[in-house]
Amino acid sequence: MGEFPDPSLVVLIGPSGSGKSTWAAERFRANEIVSLSQLQGAVGKDEHDPVSAPVAFGLLDRIVDVRLGRGLTVVVDTPGLDDGRRARWRDAARTHSIPAIAVLFSTDVGTCLARNERRDTPQPAATIKRQAARSAELAATIGTEGFEVHEVPGPNRDQTSE
């Protein structure tokens, strides 16, 4: 894992298409990554099935709790934009004396939209734009939430290669 302590809670923050899943897969073992979209695919019709989101989040929260309770690293692969969920995960990490790290992706919205268009099941553009705006807001405040913050600069639209 190298750049992060083991164990740790690593919460990825950024819009869909910002490169979170790719970044995590390059740095962590597959069993350390808990992906909301994969869980939605497991309990719904596909990875973006909004009806399955509540069940998928329940599973994700349970997996986070179990891994932290066992002293294992867990990487939360969601947009990370919900304040209450981030606080819950951070508090769970504190309960088990595990460092809580937020990884903020600053990929521009044009790049996220271009990547999204190449997906088998793209998200609505309005969703990506909303996520990007919220992610930008969090960039200014995430450091006050009790997370150690790491930033991953994203490519600009002319550099999209994912």
C-alpha atoms as a PDB file:
ATOM      1  CA  MET A   1       0.000   0.000   0.000  1.00  0.00           C
ATOM      2  CA  GLY A   2       2.965   2.290   0.552  1.00  0.00           C
ATOM      3  CA  GLU A   3       1.630   5.822   0.859  1.00  0.00           C
ATOM      4  CA  PHE A   4      -1.090   5.033   3.429  1.00  0.00           C
ATOM      5  CA  PRO A   5      -0.879   3.334   6.828  1.00  0.00           C
ATOM      6  CA  ASP A   6      -2.126  -0.216   7.107  1.00  0.00           C
ATOM      7  CA  PRO A   7      -4.773  -0.440   8.401  1.00  0.00           C
ATOM      8  CA  SER A   8      -6.612   2.695   7.362  1.00  0.00           C
ATOM      9  CA  LEU A   9      -9.993   3.926   6.226  1.00  0.00           C
ATOM     10  CA  VAL A  10      -9.634   5.540   2.804  1.00  0.00           C
ATOM     11  CA  VAL A  11     -12.682   7.448   1.555  1.00  0.00           C
ATOM     12  CA  LEU A  12     -12.580   8.420  -2.116  1.00  0.00           C
ATOM     13  CA  ILE A  13     -14.256  11.726  -2.964  1.00  0.00           C
ATOM     14  CA  GLY A  14     -15.087  12.838  -6.469  1.00  0.00           C
ATOM     15  CA  PRO A  15     -17.682  12.675  -9.209  1.00  0.00           C
ATOM     16  CA  SER A  16     -18.339   9.599 -11.300  1.00  0.00           C
ATOM     17  CA  GLY A  17     -15.695   9.405 -14.014  1.00  0.00           C
ATOM     18  CA  SER A  18     -13.018  11.171 -11.961  1.00  0.00           C
ATOM     19  CA  GLY A  19     -10.813   8.070 -11.845  1.00  0.00           C
ATOM     20  CA  LYS A  20     -11.481   6.890  -8.290  1.00  0.00           C
ATOM     21  CA  SER A  21     -11.912   3.191  -9.083  1.00  0.00           C
ATOM     22  CA  THR A  22      -8.902   3.065 -11.386  1.00  0.00           C
ATOM     23  CA  TRP A  23      -6.734   4.889  -8.833  1.00  0.00           C
ATOM     24  CA  ALA A  24      -7.833   2.557  -6.021  1.00  0.00           C
ATOM     25  CA  ALA A  25      -7.257  -0.595  -8.095  1.00  0.00           C
ATOM     26  CA  GLU A  26      -3.690   0.525  -8.791  1.00  0.00           C
ATOM     27  CA  ARG A  27      -2.895   0.988  -5.086  1.00  0.00           C
ATOM     28  CA  PHE A  28      -4.964  -1.468  -3.049  1.00  0.00           C
ATOM     29  CA  ARG A  29      -5.859  -5.139  -3.081  1.00  0.00           C
ATOM     30  CA  ALA A  30      -9.286  -5.887  -4.558  1.00  0.00           C
ATOM     31  CA  ASN A  31     -10.604  -7.195  -1.228  1.00  0.00           C
ATOM     32  CA  GLU A  32      -9.761  -3.859   0.453  1.00  0.00           C
ATOM     33  CA  ILE A  33     -11.976  -1.866  -1.940  1.00  0.00           C
ATOM     34  CA  VAL A  34     -15.705  -1.644  -1.252  1.00  0.00           C
ATOM     35  CA  SER A  35     -17.397  -0.283  -4.362  1.00  0.00           C
ATOM     36  CA  LEU A  36     -20.937   1.063  -4.200  1.00  0.00           C
ATOM     37  CA  SER A  37     -21.465   0.487  -7.921  1.00  0.00           C
ATOM     38  CA  GLN A  38     -20.348  -3.154  -7.669  1.00  0.00           C
ATOM     39  CA  LEU A  39     -22.706  -3.690  -4.747  1.00  0.00           C
ATOM     40  CA  GLN A  40     -25.538  -2.039  -6.701  1.00  0.00           C
ATOM     41  CA  GLY A  41     -24.803  -4.444  -9.554  1.00  0.00           C
ATOM     42  CA  ALA A  42     -24.880  -7.371  -7.137  1.00  0.00           C
ATOM     43  CA  VAL A  43     -28.290  -6.476  -5.677  1.00  0.00           C
ATOM     44  CA  GLY A  44     -29.872  -4.628  -8.615  1.00  0.00           C
ATOM     45  CA  LYS A  45     -30.281  -4.744 -12.360  1.00  0.00           C
ATOM     46  CA  ASP A  46     -26.932  -3.031 -13.002  1.00  0.00           C
ATOM     47  CA  GLU A  47     -24.212  -0.945 -11.348  1.00  0.00           C
ATOM     48  CA  HIS A  48     -26.244   2.269 -11.612  1.00  0.00           C
ATOM     49  CA  ASP A  49     -29.632   0.928 -10.510  1.00  0.00           C
ATOM     50  CA  PRO A  50     -30.974   3.693  -8.238  1.00  0.00           C
ATOM     51  CA  VAL A  51     -33.553   1.353  -6.694  1.00  0.00           C
ATOM     52  CA  SER A  52     -30.746  -0.842  -5.365  1.00  0.00           C
ATOM     53  CA  ALA A  53     -28.808   2.066  -3.819  1.00  0.00           C
ATOM     54  CA  PRO A  54     -30.301   1.854  -0.290  1.00  0.00           C
ATOM     55  CA  VAL A  55     -29.613  -1.886  -0.036  1.00  0.00           C
ATOM     56  CA  ALA A  56     -26.143  -1.448  -1.558  1.00  0.00           C
ATOM     57  CA  PHE A  57     -25.307   1.342   0.922  1.00  0.00           C
ATOM     58  CA  GLY A  58     -26.474  -0.877   3.783  1.00  0.00           C
ATOM     59  CA  LEU A  59     -24.127  -3.633   2.619  1.00  0.00           C
ATOM     60  CA  LEU A  60     -21.295  -1.148   2.117  1.00  0.00           C
ATOM     61  CA  ASP A  61     -21.726   0.247   5.636  1.00  0.00           C
ATOM     62  CA  ARG A  62     -21.735  -3.270   7.083  1.00  0.00           C
ATOM     63  CA  ILE A  63     -18.565  -4.243   5.205  1.00  0.00           C
ATOM     64  CA  VAL A  64     -16.835  -1.045   6.358  1.00  0.00           C
ATOM     65  CA  ASP A  65     -17.814  -1.794   9.967  1.00  0.00           C
ATOM     66  CA  VAL A  66     -16.626  -5.397   9.792  1.00  0.00           C
ATOM     67  CA  ARG A  67     -13.277  -4.558   8.170  1.00  0.00           C
ATOM     68  CA  LEU A  68     -12.565  -1.708  10.596  1.00  0.00           C
ATOM     69  CA  GLY A  69     -13.619  -3.896  13.529  1.00  0.00           C
ATOM     70  CA  ARG A  70     -11.085  -6.504  12.410  1.00  0.00           C
ATOM     71  CA  GLY A  71      -8.336  -3.886  12.023  1.00  0.00           C
ATOM     72  CA  LEU A  72      -8.273  -4.154   8.224  1.00  0.00           C
ATOM     73  CA  THR A  73      -7.831  -1.462   5.607  1.00  0.00           C
ATOM     74  CA  VAL A  74     -10.996  -0.480   3.784  1.00  0.00           C
ATOM     75  CA  VAL A  75     -11.251   1.779   0.736  1.00  0.00           C
ATOM     76  CA  VAL A  76     -14.724   3.248   0.257  1.00  0.00           C
ATOM     77  CA  ASP A  77     -15.339   3.691  -3.477  1.00  0.00           C
ATOM     78  CA  THR A  78     -18.393   5.937  -3.722  1.00  0.00           C
ATOM     79  CA  PRO A  79     -18.598   9.579  -4.792  1.00  0.00           C
ATOM     80  CA  GLY A  80     -18.091  10.288  -1.059  1.00  0.00           C
ATOM     81  CA  LEU A  81     -20.295  13.366  -1.166  1.00  0.00           C
ATOM     82  CA  ASP A  82     -22.732  12.562   1.653  1.00  0.00           C
ATOM     83  CA  ASP A  83     -21.668  14.384   4.828  1.00  0.00           C
ATOM     84  CA  GLY A  84     -23.492  11.999   7.170  1.00  0.00           C
ATOM     85  CA  ARG A  85     -22.002   8.877   5.637  1.00  0.00           C
ATOM     86  CA  ARG A  86     -18.466  10.302   5.720  1.00  0.00           C
ATOM     87  CA  ALA A  87     -18.931  11.236   9.374  1.00  0.00           C
ATOM     88  CA  ARG A  88     -20.219   7.746  10.172  1.00  0.00           C
ATOM     89  CA  TRP A  89     -17.253   6.065   8.480  1.00  0.00           C
ATOM     90  CA  ARG A  90     -14.792   8.463  10.143  1.00  0.00           C
ATOM     91  CA  ASP A  91     -16.339   7.825  13.560  1.00  0.00           C
ATOM     92  CA  ALA A  92     -16.165   4.062  13.008  1.00  0.00           C
ATOM     93  CA  ALA A  93     -12.468   4.374  12.153  1.00  0.00           C
ATOM     94  CA  ARG A  94     -11.854   6.437  15.301  1.00  0.00           C
ATOM     95  CA  THR A  95     -13.661   3.850  17.410  1.00  0.00           C
ATOM     96  CA  HIS A  96     -11.085   1.301  16.253  1.00  0.00           C
ATOM     97  CA  SER A  97      -8.103   3.722  16.362  1.00  0.00           C
ATOM     98  CA  ILE A  98      -7.668   3.506  12.599  1.00  0.00           C
ATOM     99  CA  PRO A  99      -6.546   6.558  10.595  1.00  0.00           C
ATOM    100  CA  ALA A 100      -9.252   8.124   8.420  1.00  0.00           C
ATOM    101  CA  ILE A 101      -8.033   9.456   5.079  1.00  0.00           C
ATOM    102  CA  ALA A 102     -10.037  11.354   2.466  1.00  0.00           C
ATOM    103  CA  VAL A 103      -8.694  11.211  -1.083  1.00  0.00           C
ATOM    104  CA  LEU A 104     -10.049  14.120  -3.104  1.00  0.00           C
ATOM    105  CA  PHE A 105     -10.110  13.835  -6.901  1.00  0.00           C
ATOM    106  CA  SER A 106      -9.963  17.122  -8.802  1.00  0.00           C
ATOM    107  CA  THR A 107     -10.658  15.798 -12.295  1.00  0.00           C
ATOM    108  CA  ASP A 108     -12.504  18.484 -14.250  1.00  0.00           C
ATOM    109  CA  VAL A 109     -16.160  17.956 -15.091  1.00  0.00           C
ATOM    110  CA  GLY A 110     -15.487  17.816 -18.854  1.00  0.00           C
ATOM    111  CA  THR A 111     -13.198  14.838 -18.390  1.00  0.00           C
ATOM    112  CA  CYS A 112     -15.732  13.134 -16.111  1.00  0.00           C
ATOM    113  CA  LEU A 113     -18.496  13.660 -18.669  1.00  0.00           C
ATOM    114  CA  ALA A 114     -16.330  12.333 -21.522  1.00  0.00           C
ATOM    115  CA  ARG A 115     -15.439   9.207 -19.531  1.00  0.00           C
ATOM    116  CA  ASN A 116     -19.058   8.743 -18.517  1.00  0.00           C
ATOM    117  CA  GLU A 117     -20.191   8.797 -22.160  1.00  0.00           C
ATOM    118  CA  ARG A 118     -17.916   5.832 -22.904  1.00  0.00           C
ATOM    119  CA  ARG A 119     -19.510   3.661 -20.208  1.00  0.00           C
ATOM    120  CA  ASP A 120     -21.951   0.881 -21.000  1.00  0.00           C
ATOM    121  CA  THR A 121     -24.517   2.474 -18.701  1.00  0.00           C
ATOM    122  CA  PRO A 122     -23.725   6.192 -18.460  1.00  0.00           C
ATOM    123  CA  GLN A 123     -25.032   8.338 -15.629  1.00  0.00           C
ATOM    124  CA  PRO A 124     -27.135  11.382 -16.543  1.00  0.00           C
ATOM    125  CA  ALA A 125     -24.894  14.381 -17.304  1.00  0.00           C
ATOM    126  CA  ALA A 126     -26.798  16.434 -14.713  1.00  0.00           C
ATOM    127  CA  THR A 127     -25.776  13.898 -12.033  1.00  0.00           C
ATOM    128  CA  ILE A 128     -22.094  14.196 -12.968  1.00  0.00           C
ATOM    129  CA  LYS A 129     -22.291  18.002 -12.950  1.00  0.00           C
ATOM    130  CA  ARG A 130     -23.998  17.991  -9.540  1.00  0.00           C
ATOM    131  CA  GLN A 131     -21.372  15.618  -8.140  1.00  0.00           C
ATOM    132  CA  ALA A 132     -18.550  17.774  -9.549  1.00  0.00           C
ATOM    133  CA  ALA A 133     -19.991  20.922  -7.979  1.00  0.00           C
ATOM    134  CA  ARG A 134     -20.375  19.226  -4.594  1.00  0.00           C
ATOM    135  CA  SER A 135     -16.874  17.763  -4.823  1.00  0.00           C
ATOM    136  CA  ALA A 136     -15.468  21.245  -5.494  1.00  0.00           C
ATOM    137  CA  GLU A 137     -17.297  22.574  -2.415  1.00  0.00           C
ATOM    138  CA  LEU A 138     -15.829  19.782  -0.292  1.00  0.00           C
ATOM    139  CA  ALA A 139     -12.300  20.594  -1.440  1.00  0.00           C
ATOM    140  CA  ALA A 140     -12.473  23.714   0.721  1.00  0.00           C
ATOM    141  CA  THR A 141     -13.908  22.049   3.833  1.00  0.00           C
ATOM    142  CA  ILE A 142     -12.954  18.363   3.941  1.00  0.00           C
ATOM    143  CA  GLY A 143      -9.893  19.137   6.085  1.00  0.00           C
ATOM    144  CA  THR A 144     -12.170  20.284   8.915  1.00  0.00           C
ATOM    145  CA  GLU A 145     -13.966  16.927   9.106  1.00  0.00           C
ATOM    146  CA  GLY A 146     -11.233  15.018  10.893  1.00  0.00           C
ATOM    147  CA  PHE A 147      -9.774  13.269   7.870  1.00  0.00           C
ATOM    148  CA  GLU A 148      -6.185  13.386   6.721  1.00  0.00           C
ATOM    149  CA  VAL A 149      -6.596  14.762   3.196  1.00  0.00           C
ATOM    150  CA  HIS A 150      -4.764  13.626   0.075  1.00  0.00           C
ATOM    151  CA  GLU A 151      -5.416  15.244  -3.279  1.00  0.00           C
ATOM    152  CA  VAL A 152      -5.241  13.523  -6.637  1.00  0.00           C
ATOM    153  CA  PRO A 153      -4.973  16.068  -9.418  1.00  0.00           C
ATOM    154  CA  GLY A 154      -6.965  15.081 -12.446  1.00  0.00           C
ATOM    155  CA  PRO A 155      -6.205  15.533 -16.106  1.00  0.00           C
ATOM    156  CA  ASN A 156      -7.841  18.295 -18.032  1.00  0.00           C
ATOM    157  CA  ARG A 157     -10.255  17.413 -20.808  1.00  0.00           C
ATOM    158  CA  ASP A 158      -7.513  17.342 -23.458  1.00  0.00           C
ATOM    159  CA  GLN A 159      -5.669  14.604 -21.544  1.00  0.00           C
ATOM    160  CA  THR A 160      -8.470  12.050 -21.183  1.00  0.00           C
ATOM    161  CA  SER A 161      -7.085   8.619 -21.786  1.00  0.00           C
ATOM    162  CA  GLU A 162      -9.086   6.411 -19.443  1.00  0.00           C
END
